[in-house]
Amino acid sequence: MPELPEVEVTRRSFADRITGATIQSACMGKPLRWPLQCEPAALVGMRVRGVRRRGKYLLVDLSGGLLLVHLGMSGSVIFDRQLPPAGVHDHFDLVTDLGTLRLHDPRRFGAVVFAQGESDPVAQKLLGHLGVEPLGDDFDLAAFQAGLRQRKAPIKQVVLAGEVVVGVGNIYASEALFLAGIRPTSPANSISKPRAAKLHAAVKDVLSRAVEKGGSTLRDFSNANGESGYFQLEAMVYGREAQPCRVCATPVRAIRQGQRSTFFCPLCQKR
C-alpha cells in the first residue's frame, strides 16, 4: 500500500510539470472507492494551480476547486505528454495541455474526489480527522507526547491510526519503533517522555530517508515517472521475519496487529 513517503515521492515527480496546465478533458473508468462528486466535463477549462499532499492524499488545487487523489492499496499515477490508450486497470485520466495525469489501480480501492475547496464538507470528511504532518514544522514533541499519554492502545496501532500523527504507515511504523527501541505491543500511555522523544525523532528520520530513497517498492509502486523506490533494501526489521537483526543478530519476529504484520527485534526493542 502506498504510504506517506510514496505519496510524497509521487507528488514531487509531477507537481512542477502539471502546475499551470489547463484541463482539456477528464474521463472516469470503472467506479472507484468514492464517486468523483461532479461530472467529469465540469473540470474542463480549470487550471492547475499546484499539487500538495495531506497525509496519504494528493491535493490538486484547481482554479475552480480541488481534486483529492488517494492511491488506495495498489494505485499509482503517471503523468506524461503522451500515454497509450487506457488499459483495464486505468480508471481516471485528467487530460491537460501539458500532459495527461492517469490513475492506475488494479484493486480499485483508490479514489479521485472533487470538492469546492479544503473547507468543503466533502473534503473535510476525508481530511478533517487527520493528525499532524510528521515532516512539517507543526510536528511538535510536547503535543506528540501528550497524545500518547491519552491512549491505552498498543503504540504501533496508535501511530498507524493517524490521529496523533498522520501518514506513518505499516512499513515505517515498524521501522520507527525499531529505531526508537520500543516494542510495538507496548501501551502508548506507558511510553516515557524520553522514549517518546526518541520515537518522535525516529518517525521524522525514517520518513525523510524513505522520501530520499524514492519510497518503498514491495510489489508494483512507482512514481509518476514510472520509477521504483529503494527504501525497502535498507529496512531494519520490516519484511525480515526470522532473519538476524542488523544490530544484535537476534532473529526478527513477526506478529499480527489489527490484521497487519508487525516486525520487531525482541532484544533491541524493550517493552
Protein backbone atom coordinates (compact mmCIF):
# COMPACT_ATOMS: atom_id res chain seq x y z
CA MET A 1 0.00 0.00 0.00
CA PRO A 2 1.46 3.41 -0.92
CA GLU A 3 2.26 5.21 2.33
CA LEU A 4 3.21 8.82 3.05
CA PRO A 5 6.74 8.63 1.52
CA GLU A 6 5.40 7.04 -1.66
CA VAL A 7 2.66 9.67 -1.95
CA GLU A 8 5.17 12.48 -1.36
CA VAL A 9 7.58 10.99 -3.91
CA THR A 10 4.71 10.75 -6.37
CA ARG A 11 3.75 14.40 -5.75
CA ARG A 12 7.29 15.60 -6.31
CA SER A 13 7.59 13.62 -9.53
CA PHE A 14 4.85 15.52 -11.37
CA ALA A 15 3.79 18.62 -9.38
CA ASP A 16 6.06 21.07 -11.18
CA ARG A 17 5.21 19.66 -14.59
CA ILE A 18 1.43 19.90 -14.24
CA THR A 19 1.28 23.27 -12.45
CA GLY A 20 -0.17 25.88 -14.77
CA ALA A 21 -1.85 23.35 -17.03
CA THR A 22 -5.38 23.82 -18.36
CA ILE A 23 -7.72 20.83 -18.21
CA GLN A 24 -8.96 19.79 -21.64
CA SER A 25 -10.94 16.69 -20.67
CA ALA A 26 -11.46 14.18 -17.87
CA CYS A 27 -12.52 10.57 -18.14
CA MET A 28 -13.60 8.09 -15.47
CA GLY A 29 -13.27 4.33 -15.94
CA LYS A 30 -14.71 1.73 -13.61
CA PRO A 31 -16.13 3.01 -10.28
CA LEU A 32 -13.55 3.68 -7.60
CA ARG A 33 -13.85 3.71 -3.81
CA TRP A 34 -15.75 7.01 -3.77
CA PRO A 35 -17.55 8.90 -6.56
CA LEU A 36 -15.96 11.88 -8.28
CA GLN A 37 -18.73 14.15 -6.89
CA CYS A 38 -19.08 16.05 -10.17
CA GLU A 39 -19.48 15.36 -13.86
CA PRO A 40 -16.02 14.94 -15.46
CA ALA A 41 -16.91 17.60 -18.04
CA ALA A 42 -17.23 20.15 -15.21
CA LEU A 43 -13.45 20.10 -14.78
CA VAL A 44 -12.78 21.25 -18.35
CA GLY A 45 -11.24 24.71 -18.54
CA MET A 46 -9.97 24.77 -14.96
CA ARG A 47 -6.28 25.49 -14.42
CA VAL A 48 -3.99 23.50 -12.15
CA ARG A 49 -2.57 25.86 -9.54
CA GLY A 50 -0.38 23.32 -7.74
CA VAL A 51 -0.19 19.92 -6.09
CA ARG A 52 0.04 19.44 -2.31
CA ARG A 53 -0.11 16.44 -0.01
CA ARG A 54 -2.15 15.88 3.17
CA GLY A 55 -1.37 12.56 4.79
CA LYS A 56 -1.77 9.99 2.01
CA TYR A 57 -3.90 12.27 -0.18
CA LEU A 58 -2.65 14.20 -3.18
CA LEU A 59 -4.40 17.58 -3.31
CA VAL A 60 -4.56 19.04 -6.82
CA ASP A 61 -5.51 22.68 -6.42
CA LEU A 62 -7.63 23.92 -9.32
CA SER A 63 -8.83 27.38 -10.29
CA GLY A 64 -12.37 26.17 -9.58
CA GLY A 65 -11.94 23.69 -6.77
CA LEU A 66 -9.83 20.81 -5.51
CA LEU A 67 -9.17 17.23 -6.59
CA LEU A 68 -8.34 14.77 -3.80
CA VAL A 69 -6.49 11.72 -5.10
CA HIS A 70 -5.97 8.63 -2.94
CA LEU A 71 -3.87 5.72 -4.22
CA GLY A 72 -5.67 3.09 -2.14
CA MET A 73 -3.98 -0.30 -1.77
CA SER A 74 -2.35 -0.66 -5.17
CA GLY A 75 -2.75 2.62 -7.00
CA SER A 76 -0.19 4.80 -8.75
CA VAL A 77 -0.31 7.82 -11.00
CA ILE A 78 1.67 8.64 -14.09
CA PHE A 79 1.96 11.96 -15.87
CA ASP A 80 3.27 12.36 -19.40
CA ARG A 81 2.59 14.25 -22.59
CA GLN A 82 1.75 11.08 -24.47
CA LEU A 83 0.27 7.98 -22.89
CA PRO A 84 -1.03 4.79 -24.52
CA PRO A 85 -4.79 4.15 -24.57
CA ALA A 86 -6.18 3.48 -21.09
CA GLY A 87 -5.93 -0.17 -20.01
CA VAL A 88 -8.28 -2.29 -17.95
CA HIS A 89 -6.80 -1.00 -14.66
CA ASP A 90 -6.63 2.68 -15.67
CA HIS A 91 -9.61 4.38 -14.04
CA PHE A 92 -9.10 8.14 -14.34
CA ASP A 93 -7.49 10.36 -16.98
CA LEU A 94 -7.08 14.10 -16.48
CA VAL A 95 -6.02 15.44 -19.88
CA THR A 96 -4.33 18.85 -19.86
CA ASP A 97 -2.43 20.94 -22.37
CA LEU A 98 0.80 19.91 -20.61
CA GLY A 99 0.11 16.17 -20.41
CA THR A 100 -2.21 13.52 -19.02
CA LEU A 101 -2.45 12.52 -15.36
CA ARG A 102 -3.61 8.89 -15.10
CA LEU A 103 -4.62 6.84 -12.07
CA HIS A 104 -3.75 3.15 -12.40
CA ASP A 105 -5.36 1.00 -9.70
CA PRO A 106 -5.77 -2.78 -10.14
CA ARG A 107 -7.74 -3.21 -6.90
CA ARG A 108 -9.83 -0.02 -7.23
CA PHE A 109 -9.51 0.99 -3.57
CA GLY A 110 -8.18 4.38 -4.63
CA ALA A 111 -10.29 7.43 -5.45
CA VAL A 112 -10.45 10.80 -7.16
CA VAL A 113 -12.86 13.20 -5.45
CA PHE A 114 -13.76 16.77 -6.42
CA ALA A 115 -14.54 19.37 -3.75
CA GLN A 116 -15.10 23.12 -3.89
CA GLY A 117 -12.15 23.59 -1.54
CA GLU A 118 -10.45 22.16 1.53
CA SER A 119 -13.20 23.51 3.80
CA ASP A 120 -15.91 21.84 1.72
CA PRO A 121 -17.71 19.11 3.75
CA VAL A 122 -16.75 16.63 1.03
CA ALA A 123 -13.06 17.34 1.66
CA GLN A 124 -13.43 17.62 5.42
CA LYS A 125 -14.99 14.17 5.59
CA LEU A 126 -11.73 12.78 4.23
CA LEU A 127 -9.20 15.21 5.74
CA GLY A 128 -10.79 16.61 8.88
CA HIS A 129 -9.75 13.80 11.24
CA LEU A 130 -6.12 13.65 10.14
CA GLY A 131 -3.35 14.35 12.65
CA VAL A 132 -0.23 16.47 12.35
CA GLU A 133 2.06 16.10 9.35
CA PRO A 134 5.25 14.33 10.54
CA LEU A 135 7.53 16.08 8.05
CA GLY A 136 6.31 19.59 8.84
CA ASP A 137 7.21 22.15 11.48
CA ASP A 138 3.89 21.50 13.28
CA PHE A 139 5.03 18.03 14.43
CA ASP A 140 5.56 19.22 17.99
CA LEU A 141 7.24 16.93 20.51
CA ALA A 142 5.19 18.03 23.52
CA ALA A 143 1.91 17.55 21.64
CA PHE A 144 3.08 14.13 20.45
CA GLN A 145 3.95 13.07 24.00
CA ALA A 146 0.58 14.33 25.26
CA GLY A 147 -1.24 12.44 22.52
CA LEU A 148 0.44 9.18 23.51
CA ARG A 149 -0.42 9.67 27.20
CA GLN A 150 -4.12 9.82 26.29
CA ARG A 151 -4.17 6.44 24.55
CA LYS A 152 -4.05 2.94 26.03
CA ALA A 153 -3.82 1.03 22.73
CA PRO A 154 -0.54 -0.58 21.61
CA ILE A 155 1.89 2.06 20.38
CA LYS A 156 2.05 0.59 16.86
CA GLN A 157 -1.73 0.90 16.49
CA VAL A 158 -1.72 4.46 17.81
CA VAL A 159 0.98 5.51 15.34
CA LEU A 160 -0.94 3.88 12.50
CA ALA A 161 -4.30 5.41 13.43
CA GLY A 162 -3.34 8.83 12.05
CA GLU A 163 -4.83 10.92 14.84
CA VAL A 164 -1.66 11.74 16.79
CA VAL A 165 0.49 11.89 13.66
CA VAL A 166 -0.69 11.27 10.12
CA GLY A 167 0.67 9.05 7.36
CA VAL A 168 3.03 6.73 9.25
CA GLY A 169 2.00 3.52 7.53
CA ASN A 170 2.79 -0.06 8.41
CA ILE A 171 6.31 -0.27 6.98
CA TYR A 172 7.52 2.94 8.55
CA ALA A 173 5.83 2.40 11.91
CA SER A 174 7.76 -0.86 12.32
CA GLU A 175 10.98 0.84 11.29
CA ALA A 176 10.50 3.89 13.54
CA LEU A 177 9.69 1.74 16.58
CA PHE A 178 12.83 -0.29 15.97
CA LEU A 179 14.94 2.84 15.69
CA ALA A 180 13.43 4.13 18.96
CA GLY A 181 13.90 0.76 20.71
CA ILE A 182 10.21 0.43 21.59
CA ARG A 183 8.24 -2.85 21.50
CA PRO A 184 5.23 -2.39 19.15
CA THR A 185 2.87 -4.01 21.68
CA SER A 186 3.68 -1.54 24.48
CA PRO A 187 0.67 0.57 25.56
CA ALA A 188 1.06 4.08 24.20
CA ASN A 189 0.40 5.67 27.60
CA SER A 190 3.24 3.65 29.12
CA ILE A 191 5.87 5.26 26.91
CA SER A 192 8.05 7.62 28.96
CA LYS A 193 8.80 11.13 27.75
CA PRO A 194 12.42 10.28 26.83
CA ARG A 195 11.31 7.24 24.83
CA ALA A 196 8.52 9.23 23.18
CA ALA A 197 11.13 11.80 22.20
CA LYS A 198 13.17 9.04 20.56
CA LEU A 199 10.10 7.84 18.67
CA HIS A 200 9.25 11.39 17.58
CA ALA A 201 12.75 11.77 16.13
CA ALA A 202 12.65 8.27 14.61
CA VAL A 203 9.39 8.95 12.77
CA LYS A 204 10.86 12.05 11.15
CA ASP A 205 14.14 10.30 10.36
CA VAL A 206 12.59 7.18 8.82
CA LEU A 207 10.07 9.07 6.70
CA SER A 208 12.66 11.58 5.50
CA ARG A 209 15.05 8.81 4.46
CA ALA A 210 12.24 6.93 2.74
CA VAL A 211 11.39 10.01 0.66
CA GLU A 212 15.06 10.40 -0.27
CA LYS A 213 15.15 6.76 -1.41
CA GLY A 214 12.05 7.19 -3.55
CA GLY A 215 9.79 5.29 -1.14
CA SER A 216 9.43 1.51 -0.93
CA THR A 217 8.55 -0.75 -3.83
CA LEU A 218 7.34 -4.04 -2.39
CA ARG A 219 5.12 -5.02 -5.31
CA ASP A 220 4.36 -2.50 -8.02
CA PHE A 221 4.74 1.04 -6.65
CA SER A 222 6.29 3.59 -8.98
CA ASN A 223 6.20 7.37 -9.08
CA ALA A 224 4.65 9.49 -11.83
CA ASN A 225 7.77 8.93 -13.94
CA GLY A 226 7.50 5.15 -13.61
CA GLU A 227 10.48 4.93 -11.23
CA SER A 228 10.63 2.46 -8.32
CA GLY A 229 11.68 3.18 -4.72
CA TYR A 230 14.57 1.59 -2.82
CA PHE A 231 13.98 2.18 0.90
CA GLN A 232 12.96 -1.46 1.42
CA LEU A 233 16.54 -2.50 0.69
CA GLU A 234 17.73 -0.89 3.94
CA ALA A 235 14.79 -1.86 6.18
CA MET A 236 15.97 -2.95 9.62
CA VAL A 237 13.01 -5.19 10.52
CA TYR A 238 10.14 -4.87 8.06
CA GLY A 239 9.75 -8.00 5.94
CA ARG A 240 12.71 -9.68 7.68
CA GLU A 241 10.97 -12.33 9.81
CA ALA A 242 13.45 -14.94 11.15
CA GLN A 243 16.39 -13.07 9.65
CA PRO A 244 19.10 -11.81 12.04
CA CYS A 245 18.64 -8.31 13.44
CA ARG A 246 21.10 -6.00 11.75
CA VAL A 247 22.18 -4.73 15.19
CA CYS A 248 22.24 -7.72 17.55
CA ALA A 249 21.72 -10.76 15.26
CA THR A 250 18.62 -11.92 17.20
CA PRO A 251 16.02 -13.34 14.76
CA VAL A 252 13.43 -10.75 13.82
CA ARG A 253 9.91 -11.67 14.92
CA ALA A 254 6.61 -11.05 13.15
CA ILE A 255 3.18 -10.77 14.78
CA ARG A 256 -0.26 -9.65 13.66
CA GLN A 257 -1.69 -6.38 14.98
CA GLY A 258 -5.00 -5.14 13.66
CA GLN A 259 -4.75 -7.51 10.70
CA ARG A 260 -1.38 -6.03 9.73
CA SER A 261 2.05 -7.63 10.01
CA THR A 262 4.37 -6.11 12.60
CA PHE A 263 8.11 -6.82 12.63
CA PHE A 264 10.41 -6.22 15.58
CA CYS A 265 13.58 -7.35 17.34
CA PRO A 266 12.74 -8.93 20.72
CA LEU A 267 16.13 -7.89 22.12
CA CYS A 268 16.60 -4.37 20.76
CA GLN A 269 13.01 -3.26 21.36
CA LYS A 270 12.09 -3.03 25.04
CA ARG A 271 8.59 -3.23 26.48
